[in-house]
Amino acid sequence: MKIGCIIVTFNPDIKQLVRNLASVSKQVSMVYIVDNGSYNYHNITGLKKIYDNLKIIELKKNLK
């Protein structure tokens, strides 16, 4: 059985997001970040270089 994790972000603190990913990525087969139009999206996409099991889904605006 495979288990995944979904993290929804909107202008996240990147250092905190890295700590979260470091903790959860070892416990699941795939981590999905759904980003709601963050201004620091480029920092979020840079995390794919660190985590092989990370997939980022970009939404162009913050959905309520």
Protein backbone atom coordinates (compact mmCIF):
# COMPACT_ATOMS: atom_id res chain seq x y z
CA MET A 1 0.00 0.00 0.00
CA LYS A 2 1.23 3.50 -0.85
CA ILE A 3 0.48 6.51 1.30
CA GLY A 4 0.76 10.13 0.20
CA CYS A 5 0.54 13.53 1.84
CA ILE A 6 -1.06 16.74 0.59
CA ILE A 7 0.15 20.13 1.81
CA VAL A 8 -1.84 23.19 0.75
CA THR A 9 0.17 26.42 0.72
CA PHE A 10 -0.35 30.14 0.23
CA ASN A 11 2.76 32.29 0.74
CA PRO A 12 4.38 29.78 3.07
CA ASP A 13 7.39 30.35 5.28
CA ILE A 14 9.92 28.36 3.23
CA LYS A 15 12.05 27.35 6.22
CA GLN A 16 8.99 25.92 7.97
CA LEU A 17 7.89 24.17 4.77
CA VAL A 18 11.35 22.56 4.48
CA ARG A 19 11.06 21.32 8.08
CA ASN A 20 7.62 19.90 7.34
CA LEU A 21 8.85 18.18 4.19
CA ALA A 22 11.89 16.76 5.96
CA SER A 23 9.59 15.23 8.55
CA VAL A 24 6.83 13.88 6.34
CA SER A 25 8.70 12.89 3.15
CA LYS A 26 10.38 9.95 4.88
CA GLN A 27 7.00 8.56 5.97
CA VAL A 28 5.09 8.60 2.67
CA SER A 29 5.71 7.55 -0.90
CA MET A 30 4.63 10.90 -2.42
CA VAL A 31 4.15 14.46 -1.14
CA TYR A 32 1.88 16.81 -3.08
CA ILE A 33 2.07 20.55 -2.54
CA VAL A 34 -0.97 22.41 -3.84
CA ASP A 35 0.02 26.05 -4.05
CA ASN A 36 -2.68 28.72 -4.18
CA GLY A 37 -0.84 31.45 -6.09
CA SER A 38 1.99 32.22 -3.69
CA TYR A 39 4.30 35.14 -4.40
CA ASN A 40 7.24 32.88 -3.44
CA TYR A 41 6.25 30.04 -5.79
CA HIS A 42 9.77 29.93 -7.28
CA ASN A 43 11.14 29.01 -3.83
CA ILE A 44 8.60 26.21 -3.55
CA THR A 45 9.52 24.75 -6.93
CA GLY A 46 13.18 24.77 -5.91
CA LEU A 47 12.37 22.14 -3.28
CA LYS A 48 11.92 19.56 -6.04
CA LYS A 49 15.72 19.46 -6.28
CA ILE A 50 15.88 18.23 -2.68
CA TYR A 51 12.91 15.85 -2.50
CA ASP A 52 12.49 13.16 -5.14
CA ASN A 53 8.99 12.27 -3.97
CA LEU A 54 7.59 15.82 -4.29
CA LYS A 55 4.99 16.91 -6.85
CA ILE A 56 3.83 20.52 -6.99
CA ILE A 57 0.44 21.55 -8.30
CA GLU A 58 0.18 25.26 -9.05
CA LEU A 59 -3.10 27.12 -8.86
CA LYS A 60 -2.90 30.65 -10.24
CA LYS A 61 -4.91 32.22 -7.42
CA ASN A 62 -5.87 31.58 -3.82
CA LEU A 63 -9.06 29.53 -3.74
CA LYS A 64 -11.36 30.14 -0.79
